[in-house]
Amino acid sequence: MMTSCVKDPVQPQDIRFSILGDSYSTFEGYVDPETNDVWHYDSIGVTDVSQMWWHKVATKRGWSMERNNSFSGSLICNFSGFEGGAFYERHSFLKRMDDLGNPDVVFILGGTNDVWQDAPFGDFVYADWTEEQLCSFRPALAYLLDYVKRQYPNAKLYFLLETSPCPGGITEETRLNLIESAHRITQHYGVDCIDLDIHKDWWHPDVKGQDDIARQVLEVLDVDLNV
C-alpha cells in the first residue's frame, strides 16, 4: 500500500483531481494506467475528450487531472460470479484505490456495474472486513471509503452515484436499494454523495449524459466552500 499523501494547502487554481471509476469515466488515451480497459464512446457520438464530464468540470473550475484510474466494466466490490467475472475482479475499485497519485480532490463514480452484474448487497460492515464480505457491495463501499479517507487525508472526497431509472434493466427495488445503501454508507463516513440523473445511449452517458454529470457535479462544487 502507498503511504498517506500529506500536502500543503493549495490555491483553487492549483487543485489537482483524481478519478476512480468505471466506463462512465474512461476515454481512450486518458486513463492511467494506460492499460486500463476503455469503453469506445465514439459509438454514441462522444468523439472528443472535451465532451467527457470530468474534462468539463476541469475546464469550468480551472483544475488539472492528477490521475484517471477508471476501468470499463469494473465493479466496486470483488464479486466474480458472472461471465468474465474473474477478469473484472482483478480490476475492481478495491484493487485500484491505492493508485490515485497525490490529489486534492477525489471523485469516485461507480456502483452501476455492481447491480448490473447482480453482486450481492451484503451487510453494512464498517470494520474488520473479511475477503468474503468484500465480494458484496455494502461492505466493499465502506472499505473503499474508509481506505481512501485514510490514504488521502487532505483530499476532498466525492462519491458519484447514478440514480437514473433503468427501464429494461435493473428492477426498481434494486435501484432504490442501491441508492439507500450508498447514502447510508457515505453518510457514515461523512462523504458527499452526488446523485446523478443521466441521459444514456447503449447504457452509457452520451453527449447529453456527459453534460448531465458535469452539470450536477458542478452544482455541488459551486456551493462547496471547501474547494
C-alpha atoms as a PDB file:
ATOM      1  CA  MET A   1       0.000   0.000   0.000  1.00  0.00           C
ATOM      2  CA  MET A   2       1.105   3.560  -0.660  1.00  0.00           C
ATOM      3  CA  THR A   3       1.881   5.854   2.250  1.00  0.00           C
ATOM      4  CA  SER A   4      -0.532   8.670   3.071  1.00  0.00           C
ATOM      5  CA  CYS A   5      -0.253  11.769   0.925  1.00  0.00           C
ATOM      6  CA  VAL A   6       0.121  14.873   3.097  1.00  0.00           C
ATOM      7  CA  LYS A   7       0.123  18.165   1.232  1.00  0.00           C
ATOM      8  CA  ASP A   8       0.426  21.859   1.897  1.00  0.00           C
ATOM      9  CA  PRO A   9      -2.692  23.988   1.303  1.00  0.00           C
ATOM     10  CA  VAL A  10      -3.206  24.901  -2.352  1.00  0.00           C
ATOM     11  CA  GLN A  11      -4.975  27.721  -4.136  1.00  0.00           C
ATOM     12  CA  PRO A  12      -8.167  26.857  -6.093  1.00  0.00           C
ATOM     13  CA  GLN A  13      -6.431  27.267  -9.458  1.00  0.00           C
ATOM     14  CA  ASP A  14      -3.761  24.750  -8.388  1.00  0.00           C
ATOM     15  CA  ILE A  15      -6.189  21.964  -7.476  1.00  0.00           C
ATOM     16  CA  ARG A  16      -5.499  18.539  -8.953  1.00  0.00           C
ATOM     17  CA  PHE A  17      -8.171  15.838  -9.003  1.00  0.00           C
ATOM     18  CA  SER A  18      -8.200  12.085  -9.474  1.00  0.00           C
ATOM     19  CA  ILE A  19     -10.968   9.737 -10.562  1.00  0.00           C
ATOM     20  CA  LEU A  20     -11.603   6.171  -9.501  1.00  0.00           C
ATOM     21  CA  GLY A  21     -14.235   4.910 -11.880  1.00  0.00           C
ATOM     22  CA  ASP A  22     -15.672   2.576 -14.484  1.00  0.00           C
ATOM     23  CA  SER A  23     -16.598   3.033 -18.155  1.00  0.00           C
ATOM     24  CA  TYR A  24     -18.541   6.230 -17.445  1.00  0.00           C
ATOM     25  CA  SER A  25     -15.198   7.997 -16.956  1.00  0.00           C
ATOM     26  CA  THR A  26     -12.933   6.230 -19.457  1.00  0.00           C
ATOM     27  CA  PHE A  27     -11.722   7.775 -22.701  1.00  0.00           C
ATOM     28  CA  GLU A  28      -9.053   6.293 -24.925  1.00  0.00           C
ATOM     29  CA  GLY A  29      -5.669   7.846 -24.219  1.00  0.00           C
ATOM     30  CA  TYR A  30      -6.879   9.417 -20.959  1.00  0.00           C
ATOM     31  CA  VAL A  31      -6.711   6.624 -18.388  1.00  0.00           C
ATOM     32  CA  ASP A  32      -3.895   5.835 -16.006  1.00  0.00           C
ATOM     33  CA  PRO A  33      -2.584   3.151 -16.103  1.00  0.00           C
ATOM     34  CA  GLU A  34      -2.877   3.336 -19.880  1.00  0.00           C
ATOM     35  CA  THR A  35      -3.520  -0.434 -19.984  1.00  0.00           C
ATOM     36  CA  ASN A  36      -6.934   0.059 -18.332  1.00  0.00           C
ATOM     37  CA  ASP A  37      -9.850  -1.068 -20.494  1.00  0.00           C
ATOM     38  CA  VAL A  38     -11.883   1.777 -22.007  1.00  0.00           C
ATOM     39  CA  TRP A  39     -15.350   1.986 -23.485  1.00  0.00           C
ATOM     40  CA  HIS A  40     -15.385   3.358 -27.036  1.00  0.00           C
ATOM     41  CA  TYR A  41     -17.562   6.418 -26.717  1.00  0.00           C
ATOM     42  CA  ASP A  42     -17.319   7.354 -30.390  1.00  0.00           C
ATOM     43  CA  SER A  43     -20.003   4.713 -30.969  1.00  0.00           C
ATOM     44  CA  ILE A  44     -22.535   7.010 -29.285  1.00  0.00           C
ATOM     45  CA  GLY A  45     -21.256  10.359 -30.501  1.00  0.00           C
ATOM     46  CA  VAL A  46     -18.760  11.253 -27.778  1.00  0.00           C
ATOM     47  CA  THR A  47     -15.820  11.769 -30.120  1.00  0.00           C
ATOM     48  CA  ASP A  48     -13.632  14.286 -28.293  1.00  0.00           C
ATOM     49  CA  VAL A  49     -12.248  14.236 -24.759  1.00  0.00           C
ATOM     50  CA  SER A  50     -13.650  17.717 -24.187  1.00  0.00           C
ATOM     51  CA  GLN A  51     -17.119  16.106 -24.128  1.00  0.00           C
ATOM     52  CA  MET A  52     -16.296  13.974 -21.092  1.00  0.00           C
ATOM     53  CA  TRP A  53     -17.823  15.024 -17.781  1.00  0.00           C
ATOM     54  CA  TRP A  54     -14.517  15.353 -15.967  1.00  0.00           C
ATOM     55  CA  HIS A  55     -12.995  17.474 -18.729  1.00  0.00           C
ATOM     56  CA  LYS A  56     -15.953  19.857 -18.479  1.00  0.00           C
ATOM     57  CA  VAL A  57     -15.538  20.076 -14.692  1.00  0.00           C
ATOM     58  CA  ALA A  58     -11.800  20.691 -15.011  1.00  0.00           C
ATOM     59  CA  THR A  59     -12.320  23.409 -17.614  1.00  0.00           C
ATOM     60  CA  LYS A  60     -15.013  25.188 -15.610  1.00  0.00           C
ATOM     61  CA  ARG A  61     -13.074  25.074 -12.339  1.00  0.00           C
ATOM     62  CA  GLY A  62      -9.585  25.574 -13.748  1.00  0.00           C
ATOM     63  CA  TRP A  63      -8.411  22.286 -12.234  1.00  0.00           C
ATOM     64  CA  SER A  64      -5.867  19.760 -13.534  1.00  0.00           C
ATOM     65  CA  MET A  65      -6.132  15.996 -13.802  1.00  0.00           C
ATOM     66  CA  GLU A  66      -3.875  14.087 -11.434  1.00  0.00           C
ATOM     67  CA  ARG A  67      -4.961  10.582 -12.420  1.00  0.00           C
ATOM     68  CA  ASN A  68      -7.940   8.948 -14.096  1.00  0.00           C
ATOM     69  CA  ASN A  69      -7.837   5.381 -12.824  1.00  0.00           C
ATOM     70  CA  SER A  70     -11.051   4.221 -14.467  1.00  0.00           C
ATOM     71  CA  PHE A  71     -11.577   0.734 -15.873  1.00  0.00           C
ATOM     72  CA  SER A  72     -14.507  -0.166 -18.109  1.00  0.00           C
ATOM     73  CA  GLY A  73     -16.765  -2.849 -16.680  1.00  0.00           C
ATOM     74  CA  SER A  74     -15.275  -2.753 -13.202  1.00  0.00           C
ATOM     75  CA  LEU A  75     -17.256  -3.253 -10.003  1.00  0.00           C
ATOM     76  CA  ILE A  76     -16.597  -1.598  -6.679  1.00  0.00           C
ATOM     77  CA  CYS A  77     -16.615  -4.972  -4.912  1.00  0.00           C
ATOM     78  CA  ASN A  78     -14.611  -8.113  -5.664  1.00  0.00           C
ATOM     79  CA  PHE A  79     -17.606 -10.149  -6.849  1.00  0.00           C
ATOM     80  CA  SER A  80     -16.686 -12.529  -9.671  1.00  0.00           C
ATOM     81  CA  GLY A  81     -19.827 -14.636 -10.046  1.00  0.00           C
ATOM     82  CA  PHE A  82     -20.691 -13.582 -13.604  1.00  0.00           C
ATOM     83  CA  GLU A  83     -19.340 -14.164 -17.113  1.00  0.00           C
ATOM     84  CA  GLY A  84     -15.821 -12.743 -17.219  1.00  0.00           C
ATOM     85  CA  GLY A  85     -16.008 -12.028 -13.510  1.00  0.00           C
ATOM     86  CA  ALA A  86     -12.557 -13.392 -12.724  1.00  0.00           C
ATOM     87  CA  PHE A  87     -11.058 -10.743 -15.033  1.00  0.00           C
ATOM     88  CA  TYR A  88     -13.065  -7.866 -13.601  1.00  0.00           C
ATOM     89  CA  GLU A  89     -12.451  -8.950 -10.004  1.00  0.00           C
ATOM     90  CA  ARG A  90      -8.745  -8.297 -10.600  1.00  0.00           C
ATOM     91  CA  HIS A  91      -9.580  -4.742 -11.629  1.00  0.00           C
ATOM     92  CA  SER A  92     -12.212  -3.843  -9.027  1.00  0.00           C
ATOM     93  CA  PHE A  93     -12.237  -0.438  -7.375  1.00  0.00           C
ATOM     94  CA  LEU A  94     -10.741  -2.076  -4.293  1.00  0.00           C
ATOM     95  CA  LYS A  95      -7.766  -3.294  -6.338  1.00  0.00           C
ATOM     96  CA  ARG A  96      -7.102   0.187  -7.801  1.00  0.00           C
ATOM     97  CA  MET A  97      -7.865   2.528  -4.918  1.00  0.00           C
ATOM     98  CA  ASP A  98      -4.221   2.862  -3.866  1.00  0.00           C
ATOM     99  CA  ASP A  99      -3.210   4.256  -7.279  1.00  0.00           C
ATOM    100  CA  LEU A 100      -4.670   7.762  -7.443  1.00  0.00           C
ATOM    101  CA  GLY A 101      -1.492   9.806  -7.223  1.00  0.00           C
ATOM    102  CA  ASN A 102      -1.443  12.826  -4.926  1.00  0.00           C
ATOM    103  CA  PRO A 103      -4.801  14.548  -5.477  1.00  0.00           C
ATOM    104  CA  ASP A 104      -6.532  17.459  -3.761  1.00  0.00           C
ATOM    105  CA  VAL A 105      -9.957  16.122  -4.818  1.00  0.00           C
ATOM    106  CA  VAL A 106     -11.041  12.534  -5.442  1.00  0.00           C
ATOM    107  CA  PHE A 107     -14.124  11.620  -7.458  1.00  0.00           C
ATOM    108  CA  ILE A 108     -15.380   8.030  -7.155  1.00  0.00           C
ATOM    109  CA  LEU A 109     -18.019   7.183  -9.762  1.00  0.00           C
ATOM    110  CA  GLY A 110     -19.251   3.617  -9.600  1.00  0.00           C
ATOM    111  CA  GLY A 111     -21.755   1.081  -8.357  1.00  0.00           C
ATOM    112  CA  THR A 112     -23.633   0.689 -11.616  1.00  0.00           C
ATOM    113  CA  ASN A 113     -21.761  -2.468 -12.627  1.00  0.00           C
ATOM    114  CA  ASP A 114     -22.223  -3.976  -9.187  1.00  0.00           C
ATOM    115  CA  VAL A 115     -26.002  -4.036  -9.553  1.00  0.00           C
ATOM    116  CA  TRP A 116     -25.944  -4.827 -13.265  1.00  0.00           C
ATOM    117  CA  GLN A 117     -23.851  -7.923 -12.567  1.00  0.00           C
ATOM    118  CA  ASP A 118     -26.060  -8.957  -9.633  1.00  0.00           C
ATOM    119  CA  ALA A 119     -23.375  -8.632  -6.991  1.00  0.00           C
ATOM    120  CA  PRO A 120     -24.896  -9.245  -3.552  1.00  0.00           C
ATOM    121  CA  PHE A 121     -25.587  -6.182  -1.445  1.00  0.00           C
ATOM    122  CA  GLY A 122     -24.330  -7.813   1.738  1.00  0.00           C
ATOM    123  CA  ASP A 123     -24.477  -6.294   5.205  1.00  0.00           C
ATOM    124  CA  PHE A 124     -23.451  -2.883   6.473  1.00  0.00           C
ATOM    125  CA  VAL A 125     -19.970  -3.578   7.828  1.00  0.00           C
ATOM    126  CA  TYR A 126     -17.664  -0.785   8.980  1.00  0.00           C
ATOM    127  CA  ALA A 127     -14.622  -2.608  10.368  1.00  0.00           C
ATOM    128  CA  ASP A 128     -12.714  -5.909  10.314  1.00  0.00           C
ATOM    129  CA  TRP A 129     -13.840  -6.789   6.787  1.00  0.00           C
ATOM    130  CA  THR A 130     -13.336 -10.330   5.525  1.00  0.00           C
ATOM    131  CA  GLU A 131     -12.423 -11.250   1.956  1.00  0.00           C
ATOM    132  CA  GLU A 132     -15.857 -12.825   1.570  1.00  0.00           C
ATOM    133  CA  GLN A 133     -17.582  -9.619   2.699  1.00  0.00           C
ATOM    134  CA  LEU A 134     -15.594  -7.577   0.181  1.00  0.00           C
ATOM    135  CA  CYS A 135     -17.325  -9.539  -2.582  1.00  0.00           C
ATOM    136  CA  SER A 136     -20.544  -7.671  -1.664  1.00  0.00           C
ATOM    137  CA  PHE A 137     -21.412  -4.066  -2.432  1.00  0.00           C
ATOM    138  CA  ARG A 138     -22.095  -2.612   1.012  1.00  0.00           C
ATOM    139  CA  PRO A 139     -19.004  -3.887   2.835  1.00  0.00           C
ATOM    140  CA  ALA A 140     -16.847  -3.090  -0.205  1.00  0.00           C
ATOM    141  CA  LEU A 141     -18.065   0.501  -0.454  1.00  0.00           C
ATOM    142  CA  ALA A 142     -17.452   1.016   3.258  1.00  0.00           C
ATOM    143  CA  TYR A 143     -13.963  -0.470   2.960  1.00  0.00           C
ATOM    144  CA  LEU A 144     -13.265   1.728  -0.066  1.00  0.00           C
ATOM    145  CA  LEU A 145     -14.323   4.976   1.598  1.00  0.00           C
ATOM    146  CA  ASP A 146     -12.513   4.091   4.809  1.00  0.00           C
ATOM    147  CA  TYR A 147      -9.300   3.449   2.887  1.00  0.00           C
ATOM    148  CA  VAL A 148      -9.474   6.497   0.605  1.00  0.00           C
ATOM    149  CA  LYS A 149     -10.155   8.836   3.513  1.00  0.00           C
ATOM    150  CA  ARG A 150      -7.093   7.499   5.338  1.00  0.00           C
ATOM    151  CA  GLN A 151      -4.862   7.193   2.270  1.00  0.00           C
ATOM    152  CA  TYR A 152      -5.565  10.730   1.044  1.00  0.00           C
ATOM    153  CA  PRO A 153      -6.347  12.592   4.288  1.00  0.00           C
ATOM    154  CA  ASN A 154      -6.044  16.082   2.800  1.00  0.00           C
ATOM    155  CA  ALA A 155      -8.161  15.333  -0.269  1.00  0.00           C
ATOM    156  CA  LYS A 156     -11.828  16.248  -0.576  1.00  0.00           C
ATOM    157  CA  LEU A 157     -13.797  13.122  -1.481  1.00  0.00           C
ATOM    158  CA  TYR A 158     -16.976  12.884  -3.543  1.00  0.00           C
ATOM    159  CA  PHE A 159     -18.917   9.711  -4.317  1.00  0.00           C
ATOM    160  CA  LEU A 160     -20.889   9.959  -7.556  1.00  0.00           C
ATOM    161  CA  LEU A 161     -23.851   7.594  -7.902  1.00  0.00           C
ATOM    162  CA  GLU A 162     -26.092   7.066 -10.886  1.00  0.00           C
ATOM    163  CA  THR A 163     -29.672   7.104  -9.661  1.00  0.00           C
ATOM    164  CA  SER A 164     -31.477   7.160 -13.034  1.00  0.00           C
ATOM    165  CA  PRO A 165     -34.427   4.788 -13.534  1.00  0.00           C
ATOM    166  CA  CYS A 166     -33.419   1.807 -15.685  1.00  0.00           C
ATOM    167  CA  PRO A 167     -36.268   0.698 -17.979  1.00  0.00           C
ATOM    168  CA  GLY A 168     -35.487  -2.804 -19.176  1.00  0.00           C
ATOM    169  CA  GLY A 169     -32.525  -3.017 -16.808  1.00  0.00           C
ATOM    170  CA  ILE A 170     -32.320  -3.476 -13.056  1.00  0.00           C
ATOM    171  CA  THR A 171     -35.537  -3.565 -11.077  1.00  0.00           C
ATOM    172  CA  GLU A 172     -36.835  -0.518  -9.275  1.00  0.00           C
ATOM    173  CA  GLU A 173     -36.356  -2.343  -5.982  1.00  0.00           C
ATOM    174  CA  THR A 174     -32.678  -2.892  -6.787  1.00  0.00           C
ATOM    175  CA  ARG A 175     -32.209   0.721  -7.852  1.00  0.00           C
ATOM    176  CA  LEU A 176     -33.726   2.040  -4.635  1.00  0.00           C
ATOM    177  CA  ASN A 177     -31.700  -0.437  -2.599  1.00  0.00           C
ATOM    178  CA  LEU A 178     -28.515   0.816  -4.265  1.00  0.00           C
ATOM    179  CA  ILE A 179     -29.379   4.434  -3.535  1.00  0.00           C
ATOM    180  CA  GLU A 180     -30.329   3.779   0.095  1.00  0.00           C
ATOM    181  CA  SER A 181     -27.198   1.708   0.660  1.00  0.00           C
ATOM    182  CA  ALA A 182     -24.845   4.304  -0.843  1.00  0.00           C
ATOM    183  CA  HIS A 183     -26.495   7.152   1.056  1.00  0.00           C
ATOM    184  CA  ARG A 184     -26.253   5.325   4.357  1.00  0.00           C
ATOM    185  CA  ILE A 185     -22.591   4.381   3.883  1.00  0.00           C
ATOM    186  CA  THR A 186     -21.423   7.758   2.586  1.00  0.00           C
ATOM    187  CA  GLN A 187     -23.238   9.467   5.473  1.00  0.00           C
ATOM    188  CA  HIS A 188     -21.443   7.150   7.904  1.00  0.00           C
ATOM    189  CA  TYR A 189     -18.091   8.361   6.576  1.00  0.00           C
ATOM    190  CA  GLY A 190     -19.085  11.987   6.117  1.00  0.00           C
ATOM    191  CA  VAL A 191     -18.576  11.766   2.350  1.00  0.00           C
ATOM    192  CA  ASP A 192     -20.619  13.896  -0.038  1.00  0.00           C
ATOM    193  CA  CYS A 193     -22.751  11.685  -2.305  1.00  0.00           C
ATOM    194  CA  ILE A 194     -23.791  13.308  -5.590  1.00  0.00           C
ATOM    195  CA  ASP A 195     -26.843  11.626  -7.106  1.00  0.00           C
ATOM    196  CA  LEU A 196     -26.750  11.639 -10.904  1.00  0.00           C
ATOM    197  CA  ASP A 197     -29.678  11.546 -13.304  1.00  0.00           C
ATOM    198  CA  ILE A 198     -28.026  10.686 -16.624  1.00  0.00           C
ATOM    199  CA  HIS A 199     -29.221  10.541 -20.243  1.00  0.00           C
ATOM    200  CA  LYS A 200     -27.807   7.405 -21.863  1.00  0.00           C
ATOM    201  CA  ASP A 201     -27.394   5.592 -25.167  1.00  0.00           C
ATOM    202  CA  TRP A 202     -26.351   1.939 -25.180  1.00  0.00           C
ATOM    203  CA  TRP A 203     -26.347   2.067 -21.376  1.00  0.00           C
ATOM    204  CA  HIS A 204     -23.685   4.790 -21.275  1.00  0.00           C
ATOM    205  CA  PRO A 205     -23.798   8.572 -20.897  1.00  0.00           C
ATOM    206  CA  ASP A 206     -23.898  10.072 -24.385  1.00  0.00           C
ATOM    207  CA  VAL A 207     -23.069  13.703 -25.158  1.00  0.00           C
ATOM    208  CA  LYS A 208     -26.067  14.900 -23.159  1.00  0.00           C
ATOM    209  CA  GLY A 209     -25.357  12.370 -20.421  1.00  0.00           C
ATOM    210  CA  GLN A 210     -21.769  13.507 -20.000  1.00  0.00           C
ATOM    211  CA  ASP A 211     -23.051  17.064 -19.782  1.00  0.00           C
ATOM    212  CA  ASP A 212     -25.623  15.913 -17.213  1.00  0.00           C
ATOM    213  CA  ILE A 213     -22.878  14.508 -14.994  1.00  0.00           C
ATOM    214  CA  ALA A 214     -20.720  17.612 -15.303  1.00  0.00           C
ATOM    215  CA  ARG A 215     -23.616  19.946 -14.561  1.00  0.00           C
ATOM    216  CA  GLN A 216     -24.706  18.058 -11.443  1.00  0.00           C
ATOM    217  CA  VAL A 217     -21.151  17.795 -10.118  1.00  0.00           C
ATOM    218  CA  LEU A 218     -20.536  21.496 -10.746  1.00  0.00           C
ATOM    219  CA  GLU A 219     -23.755  22.414  -8.950  1.00  0.00           C
ATOM    220  CA  VAL A 220     -22.348  20.779  -5.817  1.00  0.00           C
ATOM    221  CA  LEU A 221     -18.865  22.218  -6.241  1.00  0.00           C
ATOM    222  CA  ASP A 222     -20.214  25.711  -6.789  1.00  0.00           C
ATOM    223  CA  VAL A 223     -21.765  25.747  -3.313  1.00  0.00           C
ATOM    224  CA  ASP A 224     -18.967  23.853  -1.572  1.00  0.00           C
ATOM    225  CA  LEU A 225     -16.771  26.452   0.095  1.00  0.00           C
ATOM    226  CA  ASN A 226     -14.064  23.873   0.819  1.00  0.00           C
ATOM    227  CA  VAL A 227     -12.886  23.628  -2.753  1.00  0.00           C
END
